[in-house]
């Protein structure tokens, strides 16, 4: 009988510990979840820079206001939304990228690190919205 209680207690601890609610992850009311899939073939000249660590690729044709992909070390990549997460999407909220910094074109000029997504300068409670990214051979796939 005590074995059953112990198993139930252990199960309930594990079940409650695996909650999908992550208090460290805030749901951003400014950015919607779009479903998209972006495939980048590194054999094509327009994506050639992504074959080398420290380089990025920016497209404004996917995501909400665009997507930036960054090559950390040829096996790790990051991909983030280019709509400032601390503004509702509008004409100035699309960010431009220079080096490893994405900067909002609105008056406050928020800037973010495209490797970590964290806010570097400006005000706001949200980091950049990350997208999933995988590399298979010479193909990089970014999706949400």
Protein backbone atom coordinates (compact mmCIF):
# COMPACT_ATOMS: atom_id res chain seq x y z
CA UNK A 1 0.00 0.00 0.00
CA UNK A 2 2.79 2.46 0.85
CA UNK A 3 4.45 1.64 -2.47
CA UNK A 4 1.31 2.78 -4.31
CA UNK A 5 1.22 6.04 -2.37
CA UNK A 6 4.91 6.64 -3.02
CA UNK A 7 4.47 6.00 -6.75
CA UNK A 8 1.43 8.34 -6.89
CA UNK A 9 3.29 11.02 -4.98
CA UNK A 10 6.31 10.71 -7.27
CA UNK A 11 4.08 10.79 -10.36
CA UNK A 12 2.27 13.92 -9.17
CA UNK A 13 5.57 15.71 -8.46
CA UNK A 14 6.88 14.87 -11.93
CA UNK A 15 3.58 15.80 -13.56
CA UNK A 16 3.45 19.19 -11.84
CA UNK A 17 7.13 19.82 -12.50
CA UNK A 18 6.63 19.35 -16.25
CA UNK A 19 4.08 22.10 -16.59
CA UNK A 20 4.04 23.92 -19.94
CA UNK A 21 3.67 27.23 -18.11
CA UNK A 22 7.04 28.98 -18.05
CA UNK A 23 7.01 32.03 -15.79
CA UNK A 24 10.23 33.27 -17.40
CA UNK A 25 8.59 33.39 -20.81
CA UNK A 26 6.10 36.21 -21.15
CA UNK A 27 3.44 36.05 -23.83
CA UNK A 28 4.07 39.13 -25.92
CA UNK A 29 0.77 40.85 -26.78
CA UNK A 30 2.48 42.85 -29.55
CA UNK A 31 3.53 39.94 -31.76
CA UNK A 32 1.26 37.26 -33.17
CA UNK A 33 2.34 33.68 -33.89
CA UNK A 34 2.58 33.29 -37.66
CA UNK A 35 3.07 29.91 -39.26
CA UNK A 36 5.75 30.01 -41.92
CA UNK A 37 8.64 27.95 -43.20
CA UNK A 38 11.72 29.57 -44.76
CA UNK A 39 14.26 27.36 -46.52
CA UNK A 40 17.72 28.73 -47.29
CA UNK A 41 19.94 26.71 -49.63
CA UNK A 42 23.55 27.63 -48.81
CA UNK A 43 24.56 26.68 -52.37
CA UNK A 44 22.73 29.80 -53.62
CA UNK A 45 24.81 33.00 -53.76
CA UNK A 46 22.30 35.11 -51.77
CA UNK A 47 22.79 32.86 -48.72
CA UNK A 48 26.56 32.35 -49.14
CA UNK A 49 27.43 34.54 -46.11
CA UNK A 50 25.64 32.07 -43.83
CA UNK A 51 28.37 29.52 -44.54
CA UNK A 52 30.74 31.51 -42.30
CA UNK A 53 30.44 32.14 -38.54
CA UNK A 54 29.65 35.71 -37.58
CA UNK A 55 27.51 36.43 -40.63
CA UNK A 56 23.78 36.97 -40.90
CA UNK A 57 21.02 36.99 -43.49
CA UNK A 58 18.00 39.30 -43.34
CA UNK A 59 14.73 38.93 -45.21
CA UNK A 60 11.70 41.19 -44.93
CA UNK A 61 9.49 38.70 -46.84
CA UNK A 62 8.81 36.32 -43.91
CA UNK A 63 7.60 36.66 -40.35
CA UNK A 64 5.73 39.76 -39.20
CA UNK A 65 8.23 42.44 -40.28
CA UNK A 66 11.11 40.21 -41.31
CA UNK A 67 13.51 37.55 -40.06
CA UNK A 68 17.23 37.62 -39.28
CA UNK A 69 19.32 34.42 -39.30
CA UNK A 70 22.75 34.45 -37.65
CA UNK A 71 25.54 31.84 -37.92
CA UNK A 72 27.22 31.42 -34.52
CA UNK A 73 29.68 28.60 -35.33
CA UNK A 74 28.43 26.60 -38.34
CA UNK A 75 26.53 24.21 -36.08
CA UNK A 76 24.55 26.75 -34.07
CA UNK A 77 22.31 29.36 -35.65
CA UNK A 78 19.78 31.84 -34.31
CA UNK A 79 16.68 33.24 -36.00
CA UNK A 80 14.60 36.13 -34.70
CA UNK A 81 11.61 38.22 -35.73
CA UNK A 82 12.53 41.71 -36.93
CA UNK A 83 9.44 43.44 -35.58
CA UNK A 84 10.35 45.30 -32.37
CA UNK A 85 8.79 43.14 -29.63
CA UNK A 86 8.06 46.21 -27.51
CA UNK A 87 5.81 47.89 -30.12
CA UNK A 88 2.68 46.76 -31.91
CA UNK A 89 3.66 46.22 -35.57
CA UNK A 90 3.55 49.49 -37.50
CA UNK A 91 5.51 51.31 -40.18
CA UNK A 92 8.50 52.09 -37.93
CA UNK A 93 8.66 48.84 -35.93
CA UNK A 94 10.61 46.89 -38.59
CA UNK A 95 14.19 46.65 -37.36
CA UNK A 96 17.34 47.04 -39.41
CA UNK A 97 20.44 44.95 -38.73
CA UNK A 98 24.03 46.11 -38.54
CA UNK A 99 26.60 43.63 -37.28
CA UNK A 100 25.00 41.77 -34.35
CA UNK A 101 22.58 44.59 -33.46
CA UNK A 102 18.99 44.99 -34.67
CA UNK A 103 17.65 48.52 -34.19
CA UNK A 104 14.05 49.69 -34.22
CA UNK A 105 13.30 52.60 -36.52
CA UNK A 106 10.79 54.16 -34.09
CA UNK A 107 11.68 57.23 -32.01
CA UNK A 108 12.83 55.24 -28.97
CA UNK A 109 15.42 53.39 -31.06
CA UNK A 110 15.35 50.11 -29.12
CA UNK A 111 18.26 47.87 -30.06
CA UNK A 112 18.67 44.12 -29.58
CA UNK A 113 21.42 41.50 -29.80
CA UNK A 114 20.62 39.13 -32.71
CA UNK A 115 22.59 36.30 -31.08
CA UNK A 116 20.63 36.24 -27.80
CA UNK A 117 17.60 38.41 -28.64
CA UNK A 118 18.08 40.51 -25.50
CA UNK A 119 17.34 44.23 -25.31
CA UNK A 120 20.61 46.20 -25.42
CA UNK A 121 19.36 49.78 -25.45
CA UNK A 122 15.99 51.42 -24.96
CA UNK A 123 13.00 50.40 -22.90
CA UNK A 124 10.72 47.41 -22.88
CA UNK A 125 10.03 44.16 -21.12
CA UNK A 126 10.25 41.80 -24.10
CA UNK A 127 13.22 40.26 -25.89
CA UNK A 128 13.17 39.49 -29.62
CA UNK A 129 10.81 36.72 -30.71
CA UNK A 130 12.88 33.61 -31.54
CA UNK A 131 12.08 31.22 -34.37
CA UNK A 132 13.05 27.57 -34.66
CA UNK A 133 16.01 26.86 -36.90
CA UNK A 134 17.66 23.66 -38.17
CA UNK A 135 20.55 22.96 -40.51
CA UNK A 136 20.56 19.79 -42.61
CA UNK A 137 23.51 19.60 -44.96
CA UNK A 138 23.49 22.79 -47.00
CA UNK A 139 19.88 23.63 -46.12
CA UNK A 140 18.85 25.91 -43.27
CA UNK A 141 15.19 25.84 -42.31
CA UNK A 142 13.56 28.57 -40.22
CA UNK A 143 10.00 28.07 -39.02
CA UNK A 144 7.47 28.92 -36.36
